[in-house]
Each structure stands twice: as C-alpha cells, then as structure tokens.
Amino acid sequence: MERYILFIRLTKDQQEMIVADIQRFFYTHRDEDISEFEAERVLDFIKENIAPYIYNAAVSDAKYVVERQFSSMEEELEALEQPIKLK
C-alpha cells in the first residue's frame, strides 16, 4: 500500500503554541520537563502518524455534509420541475 505524507502547514506562532502545549502537558500529566526540541519531536510524530487519521475523519465529515446538502438541493430542484402534458 502506497503511503502519502500529509504536509501540515503551521505558522511559526501556531508551532510555538503547540510546542508549549506539549511541554505543559508533559509537565502537568507526567511531571516531566521536556525541552523545546523534544516537544517538537513529539509534534513531528503526531503530524506523521496521528494527524492523517484525524484529517481523514474531517474529510469524511465534510463529505457527509456536502452529500446531505446536495441531496437537499436535488430534492428542491426536482420540486421546481414542471409537469409535461402528453398529447
């Protein structure tokens, strides 16, 4: 099975906030003080291994919403059709 790399683009500010959140998580929940470098490695792991599952779930949710809206539009368009009298 071919594996595609999901490129997640984060701004510098977003990356810094996430890294700080990871550091805070480790400190609060594991009583570990991890470096910025270590937190960045955790973020890289998440981006490479976990994010594709979350991304695919979001795509599936978006597909469901679009399909529902399309179905609704299709019904509305059918309601606009005029009957044709056969002679």
PDB file of N, CA and C in Angstrom:
ATOM      1  N   MET A   1       0.845  -1.177   0.000  1.00  0.00           N
ATOM      2  CA  MET A   1       0.000   0.000   0.000  1.00  0.00           C
ATOM      3  C   MET A   1       0.891   1.241   0.000  1.00  0.00           C
ATOM      4  N   GLU A   2       0.592   2.164  -0.889  1.00  0.00           N
ATOM      5  CA  GLU A   2       1.370   3.387  -1.000  1.00  0.00           C
ATOM      6  C   GLU A   2       0.995   4.327   0.124  1.00  0.00           C
ATOM      7  N   ARG A   3       1.993   4.945   0.727  1.00  0.00           N
ATOM      8  CA  ARG A   3       1.750   5.862   1.832  1.00  0.00           C
ATOM      9  C   ARG A   3       2.059   7.279   1.397  1.00  0.00           C
ATOM     10  N   TYR A   4       1.113   8.161   1.614  1.00  0.00           N
ATOM     11  CA  TYR A   4       1.297   9.566   1.275  1.00  0.00           C
ATOM     12  C   TYR A   4       1.634  10.343   2.536  1.00  0.00           C
ATOM     13  N   ILE A   5       2.510  11.292   2.387  1.00  0.00           N
ATOM     14  CA  ILE A   5       2.868  12.135   3.520  1.00  0.00           C
ATOM     15  C   ILE A   5       1.904  13.310   3.558  1.00  0.00           C
ATOM     16  N   LEU A   6       1.310  13.522   4.706  1.00  0.00           N
ATOM     17  CA  LEU A   6       0.392  14.626   4.899  1.00  0.00           C
ATOM     18  C   LEU A   6       1.207  15.837   5.354  1.00  0.00           C
ATOM     19  N   PHE A   7       1.251  16.844   4.523  1.00  0.00           N
ATOM     20  CA  PHE A   7       2.009  18.039   4.878  1.00  0.00           C
ATOM     21  C   PHE A   7       1.081  19.006   5.597  1.00  0.00           C
ATOM     22  N   ILE A   8       1.354  19.198   6.850  1.00  0.00           N
ATOM     23  CA  ILE A   8       0.564  20.113   7.649  1.00  0.00           C
ATOM     24  C   ILE A   8       1.368  21.403   7.787  1.00  0.00           C
ATOM     25  N   ARG A   9       0.790  22.459   7.286  1.00  0.00           N
ATOM     26  CA  ARG A   9       1.480  23.747   7.345  1.00  0.00           C
ATOM     27  C   ARG A   9       0.996  24.505   8.575  1.00  0.00           C
ATOM     28  N   LEU A  10       1.921  24.801   9.433  1.00  0.00           N
ATOM     29  CA  LEU A  10       1.612  25.586  10.617  1.00  0.00           C
ATOM     30  C   LEU A  10       2.411  26.876  10.552  1.00  0.00           C
ATOM     31  N   THR A  11       1.799  27.944  11.017  1.00  0.00           N
ATOM     32  CA  THR A  11       2.565  29.180  11.107  1.00  0.00           C
ATOM     33  C   THR A  11       3.572  29.025  12.243  1.00  0.00           C
ATOM     34  N   LYS A  12       4.531  29.901  12.275  1.00  0.00           N
ATOM     35  CA  LYS A  12       5.527  29.862  13.353  1.00  0.00           C
ATOM     36  C   LYS A  12       4.844  30.016  14.706  1.00  0.00           C
ATOM     37  N   ASP A  13       3.874  30.928  14.786  1.00  0.00           N
ATOM     38  CA  ASP A  13       3.144  31.135  16.045  1.00  0.00           C
ATOM     39  C   ASP A  13       2.369  29.883  16.456  1.00  0.00           C
ATOM     40  N   GLN A  14       1.709  29.243  15.485  1.00  0.00           N
ATOM     41  CA  GLN A  14       0.975  28.019  15.793  1.00  0.00           C
ATOM     42  C   GLN A  14       1.920  26.933  16.303  1.00  0.00           C
ATOM     43  N   GLN A  15       3.040  26.763  15.617  1.00  0.00           N
ATOM     44  CA  GLN A  15       4.019  25.750  16.011  1.00  0.00           C
ATOM     45  C   GLN A  15       4.505  26.023  17.437  1.00  0.00           C
ATOM     46  N   GLU A  16       4.815  27.278  17.732  1.00  0.00           N
ATOM     47  CA  GLU A  16       5.302  27.633  19.069  1.00  0.00           C
ATOM     48  C   GLU A  16       4.243  27.359  20.136  1.00  0.00           C
ATOM     49  N   MET A  17       2.987  27.681  19.824  1.00  0.00           N
ATOM     50  CA  MET A  17       1.907  27.446  20.785  1.00  0.00           C
ATOM     51  C   MET A  17       1.713  25.949  21.033  1.00  0.00           C
ATOM     52  N   ILE A  18       1.763  25.157  19.971  1.00  0.00           N
ATOM     53  CA  ILE A  18       1.591  23.710  20.114  1.00  0.00           C
ATOM     54  C   ILE A  18       2.744  23.110  20.905  1.00  0.00           C
ATOM     55  N   VAL A  19       3.952  23.531  20.597  1.00  0.00           N
ATOM     56  CA  VAL A  19       5.129  23.031  21.325  1.00  0.00           C
ATOM     57  C   VAL A  19       4.996  23.369  22.802  1.00  0.00           C
ATOM     58  N   ALA A  20       4.578  24.591  23.109  1.00  0.00           N
ATOM     59  CA  ALA A  20       4.383  24.986  24.512  1.00  0.00           C
ATOM     60  C   ALA A  20       3.285  24.143  25.162  1.00  0.00           C
ATOM     61  N   ASP A  21       2.205  23.848  24.407  1.00  0.00           N
ATOM     62  CA  ASP A  21       1.131  22.990  24.926  1.00  0.00           C
ATOM     63  C   ASP A  21       1.651  21.587  25.230  1.00  0.00           C
ATOM     64  N   ILE A  22       2.487  21.059  24.363  1.00  0.00           N
ATOM     65  CA  ILE A  22       3.059  19.722  24.576  1.00  0.00           C
ATOM     66  C   ILE A  22       3.944  19.729  25.820  1.00  0.00           C
ATOM     67  N   GLN A  23       4.773  20.758  25.944  1.00  0.00           N
ATOM     68  CA  GLN A  23       5.622  20.860  27.131  1.00  0.00           C
ATOM     69  C   GLN A  23       4.776  20.937  28.395  1.00  0.00           C
ATOM     70  N   ARG A  24       3.719  21.745  28.356  1.00  0.00           N
ATOM     71  CA  ARG A  24       2.826  21.886  29.507  1.00  0.00           C
ATOM     72  C   ARG A  24       2.142  20.549  29.835  1.00  0.00           C
ATOM     73  N   PHE A  25       1.718  19.820  28.803  1.00  0.00           N
ATOM     74  CA  PHE A  25       1.090  18.519  29.010  1.00  0.00           C
ATOM     75  C   PHE A  25       2.049  17.573  29.724  1.00  0.00           C
ATOM     76  N   PHE A  26       3.269  17.486  29.240  1.00  0.00           N
ATOM     77  CA  PHE A  26       4.236  16.580  29.864  1.00  0.00           C
ATOM     78  C   PHE A  26       4.512  16.986  31.307  1.00  0.00           C
ATOM     79  N   TYR A  27       4.583  18.281  31.551  1.00  0.00           N
ATOM     80  CA  TYR A  27       4.859  18.745  32.912  1.00  0.00           C
ATOM     81  C   TYR A  27       3.675  18.463  33.832  1.00  0.00           C
ATOM     82  N   THR A  28       2.458  18.754  33.354  1.00  0.00           N
ATOM     83  CA  THR A  28       1.251  18.606  34.170  1.00  0.00           C
ATOM     84  C   THR A  28       0.864  17.148  34.399  1.00  0.00           C
ATOM     85  N   HIS A  29       0.933  16.345  33.350  1.00  0.00           N
ATOM     86  CA  HIS A  29       0.421  14.980  33.437  1.00  0.00           C
ATOM     87  C   HIS A  29       1.487  13.916  33.687  1.00  0.00           C
ATOM     88  N   ARG A  30       2.732  14.244  33.408  1.00  0.00           N
ATOM     89  CA  ARG A  30       3.782  13.238  33.567  1.00  0.00           C
ATOM     90  C   ARG A  30       4.901  13.710  34.499  1.00  0.00           C
ATOM     91  N   ASP A  31       4.754  14.932  34.983  1.00  0.00           N
ATOM     92  CA  ASP A  31       5.763  15.524  35.862  1.00  0.00           C
ATOM     93  C   ASP A  31       7.155  15.492  35.218  1.00  0.00           C
ATOM     94  N   GLU A  32       7.167  15.749  33.897  1.00  0.00           N
ATOM     95  CA  GLU A  32       8.417  15.768  33.128  1.00  0.00           C
ATOM     96  C   GLU A  32       8.612  17.149  32.529  1.00  0.00           C
ATOM     97  N   ASP A  33       9.803  17.629  32.632  1.00  0.00           N
ATOM     98  CA  ASP A  33      10.172  18.882  31.995  1.00  0.00           C
ATOM     99  C   ASP A  33      10.889  18.533  30.698  1.00  0.00           C
ATOM    100  N   ILE A  34      10.203  18.685  29.557  1.00  0.00           N
ATOM    101  CA  ILE A  34      10.861  18.343  28.298  1.00  0.00           C
ATOM    102  C   ILE A  34      11.287  19.609  27.576  1.00  0.00           C
ATOM    103  N   SER A  35      12.336  19.489  26.796  1.00  0.00           N
ATOM    104  CA  SER A  35      12.873  20.639  26.063  1.00  0.00           C
ATOM    105  C   SER A  35      11.985  20.975  24.872  1.00  0.00           C
ATOM    106  N   GLU A  36      12.225  22.138  24.309  1.00  0.00           N
ATOM    107  CA  GLU A  36      11.508  22.548  23.110  1.00  0.00           C
ATOM    108  C   GLU A  36      11.790  21.550  21.978  1.00  0.00           C
ATOM    109  N   PHE A  37      13.032  21.114  21.857  1.00  0.00           N
ATOM    110  CA  PHE A  37      13.416  20.138  20.841  1.00  0.00           C
ATOM    111  C   PHE A  37      12.625  18.841  21.006  1.00  0.00           C
ATOM    112  N   GLU A  38      12.531  18.345  22.230  1.00  0.00           N
ATOM    113  CA  GLU A  38      11.782  17.108  22.483  1.00  0.00           C
ATOM    114  C   GLU A  38      10.294  17.287  22.156  1.00  0.00           C
ATOM    115  N   ALA A  39       9.751  18.437  22.510  1.00  0.00           N
ATOM    116  CA  ALA A  39       8.343  18.709  22.212  1.00  0.00           C
ATOM    117  C   ALA A  39       8.120  18.786  20.702  1.00  0.00           C
ATOM    118  N   GLU A  40       9.083  19.340  19.976  1.00  0.00           N
ATOM    119  CA  GLU A  40       8.985  19.394  18.515  1.00  0.00           C
ATOM    120  C   GLU A  40       9.005  17.984  17.926  1.00  0.00           C
ATOM    121  N   ARG A  41       9.783  17.090  18.498  1.00  0.00           N
ATOM    122  CA  ARG A  41       9.814  15.689  18.024  1.00  0.00           C
ATOM    123  C   ARG A  41       8.469  15.015  18.273  1.00  0.00           C
ATOM    124  N   VAL A  42       7.846  15.306  19.424  1.00  0.00           N
ATOM    125  CA  VAL A  42       6.504  14.768  19.701  1.00  0.00           C
ATOM    126  C   VAL A  42       5.522  15.297  18.660  1.00  0.00           C
ATOM    127  N   LEU A  43       5.604  16.581  18.361  1.00  0.00           N
ATOM    128  CA  LEU A  43       4.727  17.175  17.354  1.00  0.00           C
ATOM    129  C   LEU A  43       4.961  16.527  15.991  1.00  0.00           C
ATOM    130  N   ASP A  44       6.214  16.310  15.622  1.00  0.00           N
ATOM    131  CA  ASP A  44       6.519  15.636  14.350  1.00  0.00           C
ATOM    132  C   ASP A  44       5.896  14.242  14.314  1.00  0.00           C
ATOM    133  N   PHE A  45       5.991  13.512  15.422  1.00  0.00           N
ATOM    134  CA  PHE A  45       5.394  12.183  15.495  1.00  0.00           C
ATOM    135  C   PHE A  45       3.880  12.251  15.284  1.00  0.00           C
ATOM    136  N   ILE A  46       3.254  13.206  15.948  1.00  0.00           N
ATOM    137  CA  ILE A  46       1.800  13.370  15.821  1.00  0.00           C
ATOM    138  C   ILE A  46       1.437  13.712  14.379  1.00  0.00           C
ATOM    139  N   LYS A  47       2.171  14.627  13.781  1.00  0.00           N
ATOM    140  CA  LYS A  47       1.885  15.031  12.403  1.00  0.00           C
ATOM    141  C   LYS A  47       2.043  13.870  11.432  1.00  0.00           C
ATOM    142  N   GLU A  48       3.030  13.038  11.641  1.00  0.00           N
ATOM    143  CA  GLU A  48       3.307  11.944  10.712  1.00  0.00           C
ATOM    144  C   GLU A  48       2.415  10.727  10.943  1.00  0.00           C
ATOM    145  N   ASN A  49       2.064  10.445  12.185  1.00  0.00           N
ATOM    146  CA  ASN A  49       1.401   9.188  12.500  1.00  0.00           C
ATOM    147  C   ASN A  49      -0.048   9.290  12.947  1.00  0.00           C
ATOM    148  N   ILE A  50      -0.437  10.392  13.538  1.00  0.00           N
ATOM    149  CA  ILE A  50      -1.783  10.523  14.086  1.00  0.00           C
ATOM    150  C   ILE A  50      -2.639  11.474  13.253  1.00  0.00           C
ATOM    151  N   ALA A  51      -2.047  12.554  12.791  1.00  0.00           N
ATOM    152  CA  ALA A  51      -2.795  13.564  12.040  1.00  0.00           C
ATOM    153  C   ALA A  51      -3.529  12.998  10.822  1.00  0.00           C
ATOM    154  N   PRO A  52      -2.951  12.031  10.079  1.00  0.00           N
ATOM    155  CA  PRO A  52      -3.696  11.511   8.924  1.00  0.00           C
ATOM    156  C   PRO A  52      -5.048  10.892   9.308  1.00  0.00           C
ATOM    157  N   TYR A  53      -5.138  10.253  10.462  1.00  0.00           N
ATOM    158  CA  TYR A  53      -6.418   9.698  10.916  1.00  0.00           C
ATOM    159  C   TYR A  53      -7.425  10.814  11.190  1.00  0.00           C
ATOM    160  N   ILE A  54      -6.959  11.860  11.847  1.00  0.00           N
ATOM    161  CA  ILE A  54      -7.832  12.996  12.165  1.00  0.00           C
ATOM    162  C   ILE A  54      -8.243  13.714  10.881  1.00  0.00           C
ATOM    163  N   TYR A  55      -7.295  13.888   9.979  1.00  0.00           N
ATOM    164  CA  TYR A  55      -7.570  14.532   8.691  1.00  0.00           C
ATOM    165  C   TYR A  55      -8.619  13.740   7.912  1.00  0.00           C
ATOM    166  N   ASN A  56      -8.442  12.426   7.838  1.00  0.00           N
ATOM    167  CA  ASN A  56      -9.390  11.586   7.104  1.00  0.00           C
ATOM    168  C   ASN A  56     -10.777  11.627   7.732  1.00  0.00           C
ATOM    169  N   ALA A  57     -10.848  11.676   9.049  1.00  0.00           N
ATOM    170  CA  ALA A  57     -12.142  11.789   9.724  1.00  0.00           C
ATOM    171  C   ALA A  57     -12.800  13.121   9.368  1.00  0.00           C
ATOM    172  N   ALA A  58     -12.017  14.189   9.306  1.00  0.00           N
ATOM    173  CA  ALA A  58     -12.558  15.500   8.943  1.00  0.00           C
ATOM    174  C   ALA A  58     -13.047  15.504   7.499  1.00  0.00           C
ATOM    175  N   VAL A  59     -12.294  14.868   6.598  1.00  0.00           N
ATOM    176  CA  VAL A  59     -12.712  14.769   5.199  1.00  0.00           C
ATOM    177  C   VAL A  59     -14.021  13.988   5.098  1.00  0.00           C
ATOM    178  N   SER A  60     -14.113  12.903   5.857  1.00  0.00           N
ATOM    179  CA  SER A  60     -15.340  12.095   5.859  1.00  0.00           C
ATOM    180  C   SER A  60     -16.526  12.910   6.364  1.00  0.00           C
ATOM    181  N   ASP A  61     -16.322  13.693   7.416  1.00  0.00           N
ATOM    182  CA  ASP A  61     -17.385  14.553   7.939  1.00  0.00           C
ATOM    183  C   ASP A  61     -17.804  15.586   6.896  1.00  0.00           C
ATOM    184  N   ALA A  62     -16.835  16.193   6.220  1.00  0.00           N
ATOM    185  CA  ALA A  62     -17.135  17.195   5.197  1.00  0.00           C
ATOM    186  C   ALA A  62     -17.887  16.556   4.037  1.00  0.00           C
ATOM    187  N   LYS A  63     -17.471  15.351   3.642  1.00  0.00           N
ATOM    188  CA  LYS A  63     -18.152  14.639   2.562  1.00  0.00           C
ATOM    189  C   LYS A  63     -19.610  14.384   2.933  1.00  0.00           C
ATOM    190  N   TYR A  64     -19.861  13.972   4.166  1.00  0.00           N
ATOM    191  CA  TYR A  64     -21.219  13.712   4.634  1.00  0.00           C
ATOM    192  C   TYR A  64     -22.074  14.988   4.542  1.00  0.00           C
ATOM    193  N   VAL A  65     -21.518  16.113   4.984  1.00  0.00           N
ATOM    194  CA  VAL A  65     -22.252  17.384   4.946  1.00  0.00           C
ATOM    195  C   VAL A  65     -22.566  17.773   3.505  1.00  0.00           C
ATOM    196  N   VAL A  66     -21.573  17.647   2.621  1.00  0.00           N
ATOM    197  CA  VAL A  66     -21.781  18.011   1.213  1.00  0.00           C
ATOM    198  C   VAL A  66     -22.829  17.103   0.575  1.00  0.00           C
ATOM    199  N   GLU A  67     -22.763  15.801   0.865  1.00  0.00           N
ATOM    200  CA  GLU A  67     -23.751  14.873   0.306  1.00  0.00           C
ATOM    201  C   GLU A  67     -25.165  15.208   0.780  1.00  0.00           C
ATOM    202  N   ARG A  68     -25.305  15.573   2.054  1.00  0.00           N
ATOM    203  CA  ARG A  68     -26.628  15.949   2.572  1.00  0.00           C
ATOM    204  C   ARG A  68     -27.133  17.211   1.892  1.00  0.00           C
ATOM    205  N   GLN A  69     -26.246  18.199   1.723  1.00  0.00           N
ATOM    206  CA  GLN A  69     -26.655  19.441   1.079  1.00  0.00           C
ATOM    207  C   GLN A  69     -27.007  19.201  -0.383  1.00  0.00           C
ATOM    208  N   PHE A  70     -26.231  18.351  -1.064  1.00  0.00           N
ATOM    209  CA  PHE A  70     -26.522  18.040  -2.458  1.00  0.00           C
ATOM    210  C   PHE A  70     -27.866  17.341  -2.577  1.00  0.00           C
ATOM    211  N   SER A  71     -28.128  16.402  -1.683  1.00  0.00           N
ATOM    212  CA  SER A  71     -29.397  15.680  -1.698  1.00  0.00           C
ATOM    213  C   SER A  71     -30.552  16.650  -1.510  1.00  0.00           C
ATOM    214  N   SER A  72     -30.401  17.585  -0.599  1.00  0.00           N
ATOM    215  CA  SER A  72     -31.442  18.577  -0.346  1.00  0.00           C
ATOM    216  C   SER A  72     -31.648  19.461  -1.575  1.00  0.00           C
ATOM    217  N   MET A  73     -30.553  19.876  -2.211  1.00  0.00           N
ATOM    218  CA  MET A  73     -30.661  20.711  -3.414  1.00  0.00           C
ATOM    219  C   MET A  73     -31.321  19.935  -4.542  1.00  0.00           C
ATOM    220  N   GLU A  74     -30.982  18.653  -4.652  1.00  0.00           N
ATOM    221  CA  GLU A  74     -31.569  17.819  -5.692  1.00  0.00           C
ATOM    222  C   GLU A  74     -33.087  17.736  -5.515  1.00  0.00           C
ATOM    223  N   GLU A  75     -33.531  17.542  -4.277  1.00  0.00           N
ATOM    224  CA  GLU A  75     -34.970  17.483  -3.989  1.00  0.00           C
ATOM    225  C   GLU A  75     -35.646  18.811  -4.314  1.00  0.00           C
ATOM    226  N   GLU A  76     -34.999  19.916  -3.965  1.00  0.00           N
ATOM    227  CA  GLU A  76     -35.575  21.230  -4.248  1.00  0.00           C
ATOM    228  C   GLU A  76     -35.664  21.480  -5.753  1.00  0.00           C
ATOM    229  N   LEU A  77     -34.634  21.060  -6.492  1.00  0.00           N
ATOM    230  CA  LEU A  77     -34.663  21.230  -7.942  1.00  0.00           C
ATOM    231  C   LEU A  77     -35.751  20.369  -8.580  1.00  0.00           C
ATOM    232  N   GLU A  78     -35.917  19.166  -8.094  1.00  0.00           N
ATOM    233  CA  GLU A  78     -36.974  18.300  -8.618  1.00  0.00           C
ATOM    234  C   GLU A  78     -38.345  18.899  -8.351  1.00  0.00           C
ATOM    235  N   ALA A  79     -38.502  19.565  -7.223  1.00  0.00           N
ATOM    236  CA  ALA A  79     -39.780  20.190  -6.889  1.00  0.00           C
ATOM    237  C   ALA A  79     -40.098  21.344  -7.842  1.00  0.00           C
ATOM    238  N   LEU A  80     -39.080  21.925  -8.460  1.00  0.00           N
ATOM    239  CA  LEU A  80     -39.284  23.042  -9.395  1.00  0.00           C
ATOM    240  C   LEU A  80     -39.689  22.578 -10.792  1.00  0.00           C
ATOM    241  N   GLU A  81     -39.494  21.309 -11.079  1.00  0.00           N
ATOM    242  CA  GLU A  81     -39.822  20.809 -12.417  1.00  0.00           C
ATOM    243  C   GLU A  81     -41.317  20.969 -12.691  1.00  0.00           C
ATOM    244  N   GLN A  82     -41.597  21.303 -13.919  1.00  0.00           N
ATOM    245  CA  GLN A  82     -42.991  21.473 -14.351  1.00  0.00           C
ATOM    246  C   GLN A  82     -43.454  20.185 -15.011  1.00  0.00           C
ATOM    247  N   PRO A  83     -44.680  19.796 -14.713  1.00  0.00           N
ATOM    248  CA  PRO A  83     -45.193  18.585 -15.377  1.00  0.00           C
ATOM    249  C   PRO A  83     -45.363  18.828 -16.877  1.00  0.00           C
ATOM    250  N   ILE A  84     -45.153  17.803 -17.661  1.00  0.00           N
ATOM    251  CA  ILE A  84     -45.319  17.907 -19.108  1.00  0.00           C
ATOM    252  C   ILE A  84     -46.578  17.130 -19.481  1.00  0.00           C
ATOM    253  N   LYS A  85     -47.461  17.826 -20.173  1.00  0.00           N
ATOM    254  CA  LYS A  85     -48.702  17.198 -20.603  1.00  0.00           C
ATOM    255  C   LYS A  85     -48.445  16.460 -21.907  1.00  0.00           C
ATOM    256  N   LEU A  86     -48.781  15.194 -21.899  1.00  0.00           N
ATOM    257  CA  LEU A  86     -48.637  14.417 -23.118  1.00  0.00           C
ATOM    258  C   LEU A  86     -49.883  14.571 -23.974  1.00  0.00           C
ATOM    259  N   LYS A  87     -49.711  14.710 -25.243  1.00  0.00           N
ATOM    260  CA  LYS A  87     -50.857  14.905 -26.142  1.00  0.00           C
ATOM    261  C   LYS A  87     -51.207  13.621 -26.811  1.00  0.00           C
TER     262      LYS A  87
END
